[in-house]
Amino acid sequence: MDNERIAELFEALGPVSIRKMFGGKGIYFDGVIVAIVIRGELMLKADAESAPEFEAAGCRQWTYTGSRHGKLVSMPYWSVPDSAIGGRLASHRTASAVLIASRTLARRICLGSARS
């Protein structure tokens, strides 16, 4: 996914910055990461409150097997709901949930009480 398409998807939120990370891209809004592109797939960040909504919408959570311990590791990123594909992501209510989740997590980290 190219940067122009990413910016278009998040257009209604406002300008996003895109940085290389993990062999993919990190997508930031207002200095807070809200999504990543990994292996060409856009994945939205969720928290404990919004993750059940992603799951109910049939989204897949990003998981991988840890190389040191061989256990499955679940990351806080979810595939984009089918209902949001094809248009501008920010017009979908999921974009608001992603933004709220990311800001909530950022506040917790800044306050030293991140638990998600």
C-alpha atoms as a PDB file:
ATOM      1  CA  MET A   1       0.000   0.000   0.000  1.00  0.00           C
ATOM      2  CA  ASP A   2       1.524   3.301  -1.026  1.00  0.00           C
ATOM      3  CA  ASN A   3       1.644   6.410   1.152  1.00  0.00           C
ATOM      4  CA  GLU A   4      -0.832   8.282  -1.041  1.00  0.00           C
ATOM      5  CA  ARG A   5      -3.492   5.581  -0.528  1.00  0.00           C
ATOM      6  CA  ILE A   6      -2.818   5.540   3.219  1.00  0.00           C
ATOM      7  CA  ALA A   7      -3.243   9.323   3.431  1.00  0.00           C
ATOM      8  CA  GLU A   8      -6.481   9.036   1.431  1.00  0.00           C
ATOM      9  CA  LEU A   9      -7.896   6.389   3.769  1.00  0.00           C
ATOM     10  CA  PHE A  10      -7.268   8.559   6.831  1.00  0.00           C
ATOM     11  CA  GLU A  11      -8.149  11.856   5.123  1.00  0.00           C
ATOM     12  CA  ALA A  12     -11.205  12.659   7.257  1.00  0.00           C
ATOM     13  CA  LEU A  13      -9.114  12.440  10.446  1.00  0.00           C
ATOM     14  CA  GLY A  14      -6.565  14.894   9.113  1.00  0.00           C
ATOM     15  CA  PRO A  15      -2.987  14.562   7.953  1.00  0.00           C
ATOM     16  CA  VAL A  16      -1.156  11.420   9.008  1.00  0.00           C
ATOM     17  CA  SER A  17       2.566  10.812   9.082  1.00  0.00           C
ATOM     18  CA  ILE A  18       3.951   7.548   7.796  1.00  0.00           C
ATOM     19  CA  ARG A  19       7.237   6.044   8.987  1.00  0.00           C
ATOM     20  CA  LYS A  20       9.079   2.875   8.073  1.00  0.00           C
ATOM     21  CA  MET A  21       8.993   0.236  10.793  1.00  0.00           C
ATOM     22  CA  PHE A  22       9.155  -3.573  11.176  1.00  0.00           C
ATOM     23  CA  GLY A  23       9.715  -3.940   7.446  1.00  0.00           C
ATOM     24  CA  GLY A  24       6.397  -2.146   6.935  1.00  0.00           C
ATOM     25  CA  LYS A  25       4.966   1.248   7.856  1.00  0.00           C
ATOM     26  CA  GLY A  26       3.684   2.921  10.990  1.00  0.00           C
ATOM     27  CA  ILE A  27       0.804   5.383  10.568  1.00  0.00           C
ATOM     28  CA  TYR A  28       0.574   8.233  13.050  1.00  0.00           C
ATOM     29  CA  PHE A  29      -2.103  10.815  13.669  1.00  0.00           C
ATOM     30  CA  ASP A  30      -1.314  13.714  15.958  1.00  0.00           C
ATOM     31  CA  GLY A  31       1.908  11.968  17.002  1.00  0.00           C
ATOM     32  CA  VAL A  32       0.171   8.745  18.092  1.00  0.00           C
ATOM     33  CA  ILE A  33       0.396   5.465  16.166  1.00  0.00           C
ATOM     34  CA  VAL A  34      -3.053   4.427  14.935  1.00  0.00           C
ATOM     35  CA  ALA A  35      -2.233   1.729  12.385  1.00  0.00           C
ATOM     36  CA  ILE A  36       0.508  -0.209  10.641  1.00  0.00           C
ATOM     37  CA  VAL A  37       0.999  -1.732   7.233  1.00  0.00           C
ATOM     38  CA  ILE A  38       2.663  -5.126   7.567  1.00  0.00           C
ATOM     39  CA  ARG A  39       3.207  -7.495   4.639  1.00  0.00           C
ATOM     40  CA  GLY A  40       1.113  -5.110   2.534  1.00  0.00           C
ATOM     41  CA  GLU A  41      -1.929  -5.275   4.832  1.00  0.00           C
ATOM     42  CA  LEU A  42      -3.353  -2.323   6.751  1.00  0.00           C
ATOM     43  CA  MET A  43      -3.948  -3.168  10.412  1.00  0.00           C
ATOM     44  CA  LEU A  44      -5.669  -0.837  12.868  1.00  0.00           C
ATOM     45  CA  LYS A  45      -4.620  -0.429  16.485  1.00  0.00           C
ATOM     46  CA  ALA A  46      -7.128  -1.417  19.144  1.00  0.00           C
ATOM     47  CA  ASP A  47      -7.251  -1.524  22.917  1.00  0.00           C
ATOM     48  CA  ALA A  48      -9.066  -3.746  25.398  1.00  0.00           C
ATOM     49  CA  GLU A  49     -12.314  -1.822  24.867  1.00  0.00           C
ATOM     50  CA  SER A  50     -12.302  -1.707  21.054  1.00  0.00           C
ATOM     51  CA  ALA A  51     -10.778  -5.165  20.356  1.00  0.00           C
ATOM     52  CA  PRO A  52     -14.115  -6.987  20.891  1.00  0.00           C
ATOM     53  CA  GLU A  53     -15.695  -4.742  18.228  1.00  0.00           C
ATOM     54  CA  PHE A  54     -12.984  -5.716  15.738  1.00  0.00           C
ATOM     55  CA  GLU A  55     -13.458  -9.378  16.601  1.00  0.00           C
ATOM     56  CA  ALA A  56     -17.257  -9.110  16.239  1.00  0.00           C
ATOM     57  CA  ALA A  57     -16.763  -7.502  12.812  1.00  0.00           C
ATOM     58  CA  GLY A  58     -14.798 -10.577  11.697  1.00  0.00           C
ATOM     59  CA  CYS A  59     -11.373  -8.908  11.772  1.00  0.00           C
ATOM     60  CA  ARG A  60      -8.175 -10.862  12.360  1.00  0.00           C
ATOM     61  CA  GLN A  61      -5.725  -9.940  15.094  1.00  0.00           C
ATOM     62  CA  TRP A  62      -2.043  -9.824  14.170  1.00  0.00           C
ATOM     63  CA  THR A  63      -0.241 -12.707  15.841  1.00  0.00           C
ATOM     64  CA  TYR A  64       3.150 -14.303  15.371  1.00  0.00           C
ATOM     65  CA  THR A  65       5.203 -17.059  16.939  1.00  0.00           C
ATOM     66  CA  GLY A  66       8.016 -15.724  19.112  1.00  0.00           C
ATOM     67  CA  SER A  67      11.416 -16.904  17.931  1.00  0.00           C
ATOM     68  CA  ARG A  68      12.898 -17.218  21.429  1.00  0.00           C
ATOM     69  CA  HIS A  69      10.082 -18.991  23.235  1.00  0.00           C
ATOM     70  CA  GLY A  70       7.973 -20.462  20.418  1.00  0.00           C
ATOM     71  CA  LYS A  71       4.741 -19.094  21.908  1.00  0.00           C
ATOM     72  CA  LEU A  72       2.022 -17.239  20.048  1.00  0.00           C
ATOM     73  CA  VAL A  73       2.255 -13.472  20.587  1.00  0.00           C
ATOM     74  CA  SER A  74      -0.846 -11.312  20.025  1.00  0.00           C
ATOM     75  CA  MET A  75      -0.317  -7.723  18.949  1.00  0.00           C
ATOM     76  CA  PRO A  76      -2.890  -4.902  19.376  1.00  0.00           C
ATOM     77  CA  TYR A  77      -3.430  -4.569  15.618  1.00  0.00           C
ATOM     78  CA  TRP A  78      -6.453  -5.843  13.696  1.00  0.00           C
ATOM     79  CA  SER A  79      -7.344  -6.212  10.026  1.00  0.00           C
ATOM     80  CA  VAL A  80      -9.663  -3.600   8.553  1.00  0.00           C
ATOM     81  CA  PRO A  81     -13.384  -4.466   8.761  1.00  0.00           C
ATOM     82  CA  ASP A  82     -14.891  -5.450   5.401  1.00  0.00           C
ATOM     83  CA  SER A  83     -17.428  -2.644   5.813  1.00  0.00           C
ATOM     84  CA  ALA A  84     -14.605  -0.075   5.731  1.00  0.00           C
ATOM     85  CA  ILE A  85     -12.814  -1.409   2.649  1.00  0.00           C
ATOM     86  CA  GLY A  86     -13.081   0.576  -0.550  1.00  0.00           C
ATOM     87  CA  GLY A  87     -13.833   3.963   0.955  1.00  0.00           C
ATOM     88  CA  ARG A  88     -12.177   6.344   3.287  1.00  0.00           C
ATOM     89  CA  LEU A  89     -11.475   4.587   6.540  1.00  0.00           C
ATOM     90  CA  ALA A  90     -12.121   7.662   8.660  1.00  0.00           C
ATOM     91  CA  SER A  91     -15.721   7.785   7.440  1.00  0.00           C
ATOM     92  CA  HIS A  92     -16.212   4.454   9.214  1.00  0.00           C
ATOM     93  CA  ARG A  93     -16.846   4.478  12.962  1.00  0.00           C
ATOM     94  CA  THR A  94     -13.901   2.110  13.415  1.00  0.00           C
ATOM     95  CA  ALA A  95     -11.487   4.958  12.691  1.00  0.00           C
ATOM     96  CA  SER A  96     -12.834   6.849  15.687  1.00  0.00           C
ATOM     97  CA  ALA A  97     -12.456   3.771  17.878  1.00  0.00           C
ATOM     98  CA  VAL A  98      -8.857   3.348  16.680  1.00  0.00           C
ATOM     99  CA  LEU A  99      -8.024   6.965  17.426  1.00  0.00           C
ATOM    100  CA  ILE A 100      -9.596   6.819  20.893  1.00  0.00           C
ATOM    101  CA  ALA A 101      -7.832   3.527  21.671  1.00  0.00           C
ATOM    102  CA  SER A 102      -4.455   4.882  20.562  1.00  0.00           C
ATOM    103  CA  ARG A 103      -4.814   8.087  22.545  1.00  0.00           C
ATOM    104  CA  THR A 104      -5.973   6.174  25.639  1.00  0.00           C
ATOM    105  CA  LEU A 105      -2.963   3.866  25.414  1.00  0.00           C
ATOM    106  CA  ALA A 106      -0.624   6.834  24.868  1.00  0.00           C
ATOM    107  CA  ARG A 107      -2.007   8.535  27.995  1.00  0.00           C
ATOM    108  CA  ARG A 108      -1.526   5.356  30.022  1.00  0.00           C
ATOM    109  CA  ILE A 109       2.077   5.058  28.831  1.00  0.00           C
ATOM    110  CA  CYS A 110       2.781   8.690  29.657  1.00  0.00           C
ATOM    111  CA  LEU A 111       1.295   8.206  33.117  1.00  0.00           C
ATOM    112  CA  GLY A 112       3.275   5.003  33.615  1.00  0.00           C
ATOM    113  CA  SER A 113       0.282   2.730  33.967  1.00  0.00           C
ATOM    114  CA  ALA A 114       0.066   0.945  30.612  1.00  0.00           C
ATOM    115  CA  ARG A 115      -1.694  -2.384  31.032  1.00  0.00           C
ATOM    116  CA  SER A 116      -3.056  -3.079  27.549  1.00  0.00           C
END
